[in-house]
Amino acid sequence: MSGAKWEANPEAELLCRWGKSPHDRGDTSGDGSCPDIWELDNGDIAVIGADLTTSYQGRLPRGVSIDPGESMVIIPRSAILAAKADIPDV
């Protein structure tokens, strides 16, 4: 690893959904809303879920932090399990 700080690229485009859609999993109210997991065209991953940064900020384990400009996003277990087959090994 080069030691350069990773930065999210706001120009990256959504490339493909990992797993089933929220509708297919039954994790949405039917209005097309989250939660979802997407691979971006630069290889990074976008997670759409509930922003619970404030709820977790005071109870993070030692060595874990949420820096300014970051959020802790929670998705249902079913979303990550549905994406498992689409997640590459490398």
N, C-alpha and C. Protein backbone atom coordinates (compact mmCIF):
# COMPACT_ATOMS: atom_id res chain seq x y z
N MET A 1 0.84 -1.18 0.00
CA MET A 1 0.00 0.00 0.00
C MET A 1 0.88 1.24 0.00
N SER A 2 0.47 2.24 -0.72
CA SER A 2 1.32 3.40 -0.95
C SER A 2 1.35 4.38 0.22
N GLY A 3 0.39 4.36 1.10
CA GLY A 3 0.34 5.31 2.19
C GLY A 3 -0.45 6.56 1.85
N ALA A 4 -0.86 6.70 0.60
CA ALA A 4 -1.67 7.85 0.21
C ALA A 4 -3.06 7.70 0.80
N LYS A 5 -3.62 8.81 1.26
CA LYS A 5 -4.95 8.79 1.84
C LYS A 5 -6.00 8.56 0.76
N TRP A 6 -6.90 7.61 1.02
CA TRP A 6 -8.01 7.34 0.09
C TRP A 6 -9.00 8.49 0.19
N GLU A 7 -9.51 8.89 -0.95
CA GLU A 7 -10.57 9.89 -1.00
C GLU A 7 -11.64 9.42 -1.96
N ALA A 8 -12.89 9.60 -1.57
CA ALA A 8 -14.01 9.24 -2.43
C ALA A 8 -14.02 10.16 -3.64
N ASN A 9 -14.32 9.59 -4.80
CA ASN A 9 -14.39 10.35 -6.04
C ASN A 9 -15.86 10.70 -6.32
N PRO A 10 -16.24 11.96 -6.17
CA PRO A 10 -17.63 12.34 -6.40
C PRO A 10 -18.06 12.25 -7.86
N GLU A 11 -17.12 12.03 -8.75
CA GLU A 11 -17.43 11.90 -10.18
C GLU A 11 -17.72 10.46 -10.58
N ALA A 12 -17.42 9.48 -9.72
CA ALA A 12 -17.63 8.07 -10.04
C ALA A 12 -19.12 7.80 -10.27
N GLU A 13 -19.39 6.92 -11.20
CA GLU A 13 -20.77 6.58 -11.57
C GLU A 13 -21.17 5.22 -10.99
N LEU A 14 -22.46 5.06 -10.72
CA LEU A 14 -22.97 3.76 -10.31
C LEU A 14 -22.83 2.80 -11.47
N LEU A 15 -22.18 1.67 -11.24
CA LEU A 15 -21.91 0.70 -12.31
C LEU A 15 -22.88 -0.47 -12.25
N CYS A 16 -22.93 -1.16 -11.11
CA CYS A 16 -23.84 -2.31 -11.01
C CYS A 16 -24.23 -2.57 -9.56
N ARG A 17 -25.46 -3.00 -9.39
CA ARG A 17 -25.97 -3.36 -8.07
C ARG A 17 -25.35 -4.68 -7.64
N TRP A 18 -24.98 -4.77 -6.38
CA TRP A 18 -24.55 -6.04 -5.80
C TRP A 18 -25.75 -6.64 -5.08
N GLY A 19 -26.16 -7.80 -5.53
CA GLY A 19 -27.30 -8.48 -4.90
C GLY A 19 -28.62 -8.07 -5.51
N LYS A 20 -29.68 -8.49 -4.86
CA LYS A 20 -31.03 -8.20 -5.31
C LYS A 20 -31.42 -6.78 -4.94
N SER A 21 -32.40 -6.26 -5.63
CA SER A 21 -32.90 -4.92 -5.32
C SER A 21 -33.63 -4.94 -3.97
N PRO A 22 -33.79 -3.78 -3.35
CA PRO A 22 -34.53 -3.72 -2.10
C PRO A 22 -35.94 -4.31 -2.23
N HIS A 23 -36.58 -4.11 -3.38
CA HIS A 23 -37.91 -4.68 -3.61
C HIS A 23 -37.86 -6.20 -3.61
N ASP A 24 -36.86 -6.76 -4.31
CA ASP A 24 -36.74 -8.22 -4.38
C ASP A 24 -36.47 -8.84 -3.02
N ARG A 25 -35.75 -8.11 -2.15
CA ARG A 25 -35.44 -8.62 -0.80
C ARG A 25 -36.57 -8.37 0.18
N GLY A 26 -37.48 -7.48 -0.15
CA GLY A 26 -38.55 -7.12 0.77
C GLY A 26 -38.11 -6.13 1.83
N ASP A 27 -37.05 -5.36 1.55
CA ASP A 27 -36.48 -4.41 2.51
C ASP A 27 -36.90 -2.98 2.25
N THR A 28 -37.98 -2.78 1.53
CA THR A 28 -38.41 -1.42 1.23
C THR A 28 -39.92 -1.34 1.36
N SER A 29 -40.39 -0.14 1.55
CA SER A 29 -41.83 0.08 1.73
C SER A 29 -42.58 0.11 0.41
N GLY A 30 -41.86 -0.05 -0.70
CA GLY A 30 -42.52 -0.04 -2.00
C GLY A 30 -42.39 1.26 -2.74
N ASP A 31 -41.68 2.23 -2.15
CA ASP A 31 -41.54 3.53 -2.81
C ASP A 31 -40.20 3.69 -3.53
N GLY A 32 -39.48 2.59 -3.73
CA GLY A 32 -38.21 2.63 -4.45
C GLY A 32 -37.04 3.09 -3.59
N SER A 33 -37.22 3.08 -2.28
CA SER A 33 -36.17 3.59 -1.41
C SER A 33 -35.12 2.54 -1.09
N CYS A 34 -34.13 2.97 -0.32
CA CYS A 34 -33.00 2.14 0.07
C CYS A 34 -33.47 0.93 0.88
N PRO A 35 -32.63 0.11 1.35
CA PRO A 35 -31.17 0.09 1.31
C PRO A 35 -30.63 -0.65 0.10
N ASP A 36 -29.40 -0.32 -0.29
CA ASP A 36 -28.83 -0.91 -1.49
C ASP A 36 -27.31 -0.87 -1.44
N ILE A 37 -26.66 -1.69 -2.26
CA ILE A 37 -25.20 -1.73 -2.37
C ILE A 37 -24.85 -1.68 -3.85
N TRP A 38 -23.96 -0.76 -4.22
CA TRP A 38 -23.57 -0.58 -5.62
C TRP A 38 -22.06 -0.52 -5.78
N GLU A 39 -21.55 -1.11 -6.85
CA GLU A 39 -20.17 -0.93 -7.25
C GLU A 39 -20.12 0.29 -8.16
N LEU A 40 -19.11 1.13 -7.94
CA LEU A 40 -18.93 2.30 -8.79
C LEU A 40 -17.97 1.97 -9.93
N ASP A 41 -17.96 2.80 -10.95
CA ASP A 41 -17.12 2.51 -12.11
C ASP A 41 -15.63 2.59 -11.82
N ASN A 42 -15.25 3.11 -10.65
CA ASN A 42 -13.83 3.14 -10.26
C ASN A 42 -13.48 2.00 -9.30
N GLY A 43 -14.45 1.11 -9.02
CA GLY A 43 -14.21 -0.03 -8.15
C GLY A 43 -14.61 0.21 -6.70
N ASP A 44 -14.87 1.44 -6.31
CA ASP A 44 -15.33 1.71 -4.95
C ASP A 44 -16.76 1.23 -4.79
N ILE A 45 -17.23 1.19 -3.56
CA ILE A 45 -18.56 0.68 -3.24
C ILE A 45 -19.40 1.79 -2.61
N ALA A 46 -20.64 1.91 -3.05
CA ALA A 46 -21.60 2.85 -2.47
C ALA A 46 -22.64 2.04 -1.70
N VAL A 47 -22.90 2.46 -0.46
CA VAL A 47 -23.90 1.81 0.37
C VAL A 47 -24.98 2.83 0.69
N ILE A 48 -26.21 2.47 0.42
CA ILE A 48 -27.35 3.32 0.71
C ILE A 48 -28.08 2.70 1.89
N GLY A 49 -28.22 3.45 2.95
CA GLY A 49 -28.87 2.93 4.14
C GLY A 49 -29.23 4.05 5.09
N ALA A 50 -29.52 3.68 6.33
CA ALA A 50 -29.89 4.65 7.35
C ALA A 50 -28.63 5.25 7.97
N ASP A 51 -28.54 6.57 8.00
CA ASP A 51 -27.41 7.27 8.61
C ASP A 51 -27.60 7.28 10.13
N LEU A 52 -26.82 6.45 10.82
CA LEU A 52 -26.90 6.37 12.28
C LEU A 52 -25.62 6.86 12.94
N THR A 53 -24.93 7.77 12.27
CA THR A 53 -23.67 8.30 12.78
C THR A 53 -23.82 8.84 14.20
N THR A 54 -24.79 9.67 14.42
CA THR A 54 -24.99 10.27 15.74
C THR A 54 -25.28 9.21 16.80
N SER A 55 -26.05 8.20 16.45
CA SER A 55 -26.40 7.16 17.41
C SER A 55 -25.19 6.35 17.86
N TYR A 56 -24.21 6.16 16.97
CA TYR A 56 -23.04 5.33 17.29
C TYR A 56 -21.83 6.13 17.73
N GLN A 57 -21.80 7.42 17.50
CA GLN A 57 -20.60 8.24 17.72
C GLN A 57 -20.00 8.06 19.11
N GLY A 58 -20.80 8.01 20.14
CA GLY A 58 -20.29 7.91 21.51
C GLY A 58 -20.02 6.50 22.00
N ARG A 59 -20.25 5.49 21.17
CA ARG A 59 -20.06 4.11 21.63
C ARG A 59 -19.30 3.24 20.65
N LEU A 60 -18.37 3.84 19.93
CA LEU A 60 -17.54 3.10 19.00
C LEU A 60 -16.43 2.36 19.76
N PRO A 61 -16.04 1.18 19.29
CA PRO A 61 -14.94 0.47 19.93
C PRO A 61 -13.62 1.24 19.78
N ARG A 62 -12.70 0.96 20.67
CA ARG A 62 -11.36 1.58 20.60
C ARG A 62 -10.76 1.37 19.21
N GLY A 63 -10.19 2.41 18.66
CA GLY A 63 -9.55 2.34 17.35
C GLY A 63 -10.49 2.58 16.19
N VAL A 64 -11.77 2.79 16.46
CA VAL A 64 -12.76 3.06 15.41
C VAL A 64 -13.20 4.52 15.55
N SER A 65 -13.23 5.22 14.43
CA SER A 65 -13.67 6.61 14.49
C SER A 65 -14.49 6.93 13.25
N ILE A 66 -15.32 7.92 13.38
CA ILE A 66 -16.08 8.45 12.25
C ILE A 66 -15.60 9.89 12.09
N ASP A 67 -14.78 10.10 11.08
CA ASP A 67 -14.17 11.41 10.87
C ASP A 67 -15.16 12.40 10.29
N PRO A 68 -14.86 13.69 10.41
CA PRO A 68 -15.70 14.70 9.77
C PRO A 68 -15.83 14.38 8.27
N GLY A 69 -17.01 14.48 7.76
CA GLY A 69 -17.27 14.17 6.36
C GLY A 69 -17.62 12.71 6.14
N GLU A 70 -17.57 11.88 7.19
CA GLU A 70 -17.94 10.48 7.08
C GLU A 70 -19.23 10.22 7.84
N SER A 71 -19.90 9.14 7.47
CA SER A 71 -21.12 8.72 8.14
C SER A 71 -21.10 7.22 8.35
N MET A 72 -21.74 6.76 9.40
CA MET A 72 -21.94 5.33 9.60
C MET A 72 -23.32 5.00 9.03
N VAL A 73 -23.32 4.16 8.01
CA VAL A 73 -24.56 3.80 7.33
C VAL A 73 -24.87 2.35 7.65
N ILE A 74 -26.08 2.10 8.08
CA ILE A 74 -26.52 0.76 8.46
C ILE A 74 -27.44 0.21 7.39
N ILE A 75 -27.19 -1.05 6.99
CA ILE A 75 -28.05 -1.75 6.04
C ILE A 75 -28.49 -3.07 6.67
N PRO A 76 -29.58 -3.63 6.22
CA PRO A 76 -30.03 -4.89 6.79
C PRO A 76 -29.11 -6.05 6.38
N ARG A 77 -29.02 -7.04 7.22
CA ARG A 77 -28.23 -8.24 6.94
C ARG A 77 -28.61 -8.83 5.59
N SER A 78 -29.88 -8.81 5.27
CA SER A 78 -30.34 -9.40 4.01
C SER A 78 -29.69 -8.74 2.80
N ALA A 79 -29.36 -7.44 2.89
CA ALA A 79 -28.72 -6.74 1.77
C ALA A 79 -27.32 -7.26 1.52
N ILE A 80 -26.53 -7.44 2.56
CA ILE A 80 -25.16 -7.92 2.37
C ILE A 80 -25.14 -9.39 1.99
N LEU A 81 -26.05 -10.18 2.54
CA LEU A 81 -26.12 -11.60 2.15
C LEU A 81 -26.54 -11.75 0.69
N ALA A 82 -27.46 -10.91 0.24
CA ALA A 82 -27.89 -10.97 -1.16
C ALA A 82 -26.76 -10.54 -2.10
N ALA A 83 -25.83 -9.71 -1.61
CA ALA A 83 -24.72 -9.23 -2.43
C ALA A 83 -23.53 -10.18 -2.42
N LYS A 84 -23.53 -11.14 -1.53
CA LYS A 84 -22.36 -12.01 -1.35
C LYS A 84 -21.85 -12.63 -2.65
N ALA A 85 -22.73 -13.10 -3.50
CA ALA A 85 -22.31 -13.73 -4.75
C ALA A 85 -21.67 -12.74 -5.72
N ASP A 86 -22.00 -11.46 -5.59
CA ASP A 86 -21.47 -10.44 -6.49
C ASP A 86 -20.17 -9.80 -5.99
N ILE A 87 -19.78 -10.08 -4.77
CA ILE A 87 -18.57 -9.49 -4.20
C ILE A 87 -17.35 -10.29 -4.64
N PRO A 88 -16.43 -9.67 -5.38
CA PRO A 88 -15.26 -10.41 -5.86
C PRO A 88 -14.33 -10.79 -4.72
N ASP A 89 -13.56 -11.86 -4.93
CA ASP A 89 -12.59 -12.30 -3.93
C ASP A 89 -11.38 -11.39 -3.88
N VAL A 90 -11.08 -10.70 -4.97
CA VAL A 90 -9.95 -9.77 -5.00
C VAL A 90 -10.35 -8.47 -5.64
